[in-house]
Every structure is written in C-alpha cells, then in structure tokens.
Amino acid sequence: MDCPEVVRRLWEYLDGELAAKEAGAVRLHLESCSQCRPACHCDRAFLLLLSRSLRASAAAPSTLAASVRARLWPDAQ
C-alpha cells in the first residue's frame, strides 16, 4: 500500500471499518513510513478529543431551555 492510498483510507482504518487484510496493510505501512505516521497520530488524537468532548455534555442555561420550549410548544404553557 502506498502513501496516497493510506492517507485516503486512514479514517476507515482508525474507525475500524477496514477488512482485516486491508487494516493489516495500512498498519504495516504506518509502522515503516515516517511521512504517514504523523498524520495517523494527528487524526487519532483528533478522534480522541472529539470523543471526550461528546462525553462531557453541557446543559443549556435554564432560561435558554425555557425560551426554546416556549417557541416550540407555545400552547403548552
């Protein structure tokens, strides 16, 4: 597998969407390629950050929530 193909398939690889043979080829390439490895580390870090931010949900202020409810269901008050 060459660099352009690895870069194209990187998100599928990181998401675990590749077949075992393809994933193995990407993994082998990343182990030996000093150009593609940083892209993989960067994308993996981004996915980790995204995952963490989705787990830390923040509640809307009560005034905002009330305002949205009032606009969506004006007869419910």
C-alpha atoms as a PDB file:
ATOM      1  CA  MET A   1       0.000   0.000   0.000  1.00  0.00           C
ATOM      2  CA  ASP A   2       1.424   3.398  -0.935  1.00  0.00           C
ATOM      3  CA  CYS A   3       1.202   6.743   0.889  1.00  0.00           C
ATOM      4  CA  PRO A   4      -1.702   8.269  -1.100  1.00  0.00           C
ATOM      5  CA  GLU A   5      -3.829   5.159  -0.551  1.00  0.00           C
ATOM      6  CA  VAL A   6      -3.016   5.017   3.168  1.00  0.00           C
ATOM      7  CA  VAL A   7      -3.962   8.671   3.569  1.00  0.00           C
ATOM      8  CA  ARG A   8      -7.245   8.048   1.707  1.00  0.00           C
ATOM      9  CA  ARG A   9      -8.061   5.038   3.894  1.00  0.00           C
ATOM     10  CA  LEU A  10      -6.810   6.432   7.211  1.00  0.00           C
ATOM     11  CA  TRP A  11     -10.212   7.393   8.649  1.00  0.00           C
ATOM     12  CA  GLU A  12     -11.642   3.993   7.756  1.00  0.00           C
ATOM     13  CA  TYR A  13      -8.631   2.393   9.441  1.00  0.00           C
ATOM     14  CA  LEU A  14      -8.971   4.465  12.601  1.00  0.00           C
ATOM     15  CA  ASP A  15     -12.712   3.782  12.747  1.00  0.00           C
ATOM     16  CA  GLY A  16     -12.116   0.032  12.424  1.00  0.00           C
ATOM     17  CA  GLU A  17     -14.052  -0.137   9.170  1.00  0.00           C
ATOM     18  CA  LEU A  18     -11.426  -1.899   7.040  1.00  0.00           C
ATOM     19  CA  ALA A  19     -11.307  -5.628   6.439  1.00  0.00           C
ATOM     20  CA  ALA A  20      -8.546  -7.413   8.362  1.00  0.00           C
ATOM     21  CA  LYS A  21      -6.282  -7.705   5.289  1.00  0.00           C
ATOM     22  CA  GLU A  22      -6.608  -4.007   4.413  1.00  0.00           C
ATOM     23  CA  ALA A  23      -6.170  -2.930   8.037  1.00  0.00           C
ATOM     24  CA  GLY A  24      -3.036  -5.037   8.245  1.00  0.00           C
ATOM     25  CA  ALA A  25      -1.632  -3.425   5.111  1.00  0.00           C
ATOM     26  CA  VAL A  26      -2.302   0.061   6.500  1.00  0.00           C
ATOM     27  CA  ARG A  27      -0.781  -0.897   9.850  1.00  0.00           C
ATOM     28  CA  LEU A  28       2.372  -2.270   8.175  1.00  0.00           C
ATOM     29  CA  HIS A  29       2.718   0.880   6.089  1.00  0.00           C
ATOM     30  CA  LEU A  30       2.302   3.139   9.125  1.00  0.00           C
ATOM     31  CA  GLU A  31       4.938   1.187  11.061  1.00  0.00           C
ATOM     32  CA  SER A  32       7.521   1.822   8.376  1.00  0.00           C
ATOM     33  CA  CYS A  33       6.530   5.202   6.898  1.00  0.00           C
ATOM     34  CA  SER A  34       7.787   8.281   8.687  1.00  0.00           C
ATOM     35  CA  GLN A  35       5.644  10.501   6.450  1.00  0.00           C
ATOM     36  CA  CYS A  36       2.251   8.874   7.075  1.00  0.00           C
ATOM     37  CA  ARG A  37       2.710   8.051  10.762  1.00  0.00           C
ATOM     38  CA  PRO A  38       2.368  11.697  11.957  1.00  0.00           C
ATOM     39  CA  ALA A  39      -0.910  12.044  10.031  1.00  0.00           C
ATOM     40  CA  CYS A  40      -2.200   8.923  11.761  1.00  0.00           C
ATOM     41  CA  HIS A  41      -1.166  10.216  15.199  1.00  0.00           C
ATOM     42  CA  CYS A  42      -2.799  13.582  14.493  1.00  0.00           C
ATOM     43  CA  ASP A  43      -6.059  12.048  13.256  1.00  0.00           C
ATOM     44  CA  ARG A  44      -6.145   9.595  16.178  1.00  0.00           C
ATOM     45  CA  ALA A  45      -5.628  12.477  18.642  1.00  0.00           C
ATOM     46  CA  PHE A  46      -8.436  14.426  16.952  1.00  0.00           C
ATOM     47  CA  LEU A  47     -10.809  11.463  17.265  1.00  0.00           C
ATOM     48  CA  LEU A  48      -9.888  11.061  20.932  1.00  0.00           C
ATOM     49  CA  LEU A  49     -10.521  14.762  21.575  1.00  0.00           C
ATOM     50  CA  LEU A  50     -13.842  14.580  19.747  1.00  0.00           C
ATOM     51  CA  SER A  51     -14.858  11.514  21.719  1.00  0.00           C
ATOM     52  CA  ARG A  52     -14.001  13.176  25.022  1.00  0.00           C
ATOM     53  CA  SER A  53     -15.873  16.354  24.143  1.00  0.00           C
ATOM     54  CA  LEU A  54     -19.006  14.390  23.242  1.00  0.00           C
ATOM     55  CA  ARG A  55     -18.950  12.581  26.580  1.00  0.00           C
ATOM     56  CA  ALA A  56     -18.749  15.859  28.515  1.00  0.00           C
ATOM     57  CA  SER A  57     -22.175  17.233  27.762  1.00  0.00           C
ATOM     58  CA  ALA A  58     -23.091  20.668  28.993  1.00  0.00           C
ATOM     59  CA  ALA A  59     -26.630  21.595  29.906  1.00  0.00           C
ATOM     60  CA  ALA A  60     -28.218  24.655  28.366  1.00  0.00           C
ATOM     61  CA  PRO A  61     -28.952  27.517  30.757  1.00  0.00           C
ATOM     62  CA  SER A  62     -32.471  27.199  32.152  1.00  0.00           C
ATOM     63  CA  THR A  63     -33.566  30.490  30.558  1.00  0.00           C
ATOM     64  CA  LEU A  64     -32.458  29.284  27.130  1.00  0.00           C
ATOM     65  CA  ALA A  65     -34.177  25.925  27.581  1.00  0.00           C
ATOM     66  CA  ALA A  66     -37.411  27.661  28.649  1.00  0.00           C
ATOM     67  CA  SER A  67     -37.229  30.033  25.687  1.00  0.00           C
ATOM     68  CA  VAL A  68     -36.764  27.170  23.223  1.00  0.00           C
ATOM     69  CA  ARG A  69     -39.626  25.188  24.771  1.00  0.00           C
ATOM     70  CA  ALA A  70     -41.885  28.242  24.600  1.00  0.00           C
ATOM     71  CA  ARG A  71     -41.120  28.730  20.907  1.00  0.00           C
ATOM     72  CA  LEU A  72     -41.552  25.065  20.043  1.00  0.00           C
ATOM     73  CA  TRP A  73     -44.686  24.463  22.099  1.00  0.00           C
ATOM     74  CA  PRO A  74     -46.337  27.858  22.751  1.00  0.00           C
ATOM     75  CA  ASP A  75     -49.635  26.258  23.819  1.00  0.00           C
ATOM     76  CA  ALA A  76     -48.007  24.041  26.452  1.00  0.00           C
ATOM     77  CA  GLN A  77     -47.572  26.838  28.996  1.00  0.00           C
END
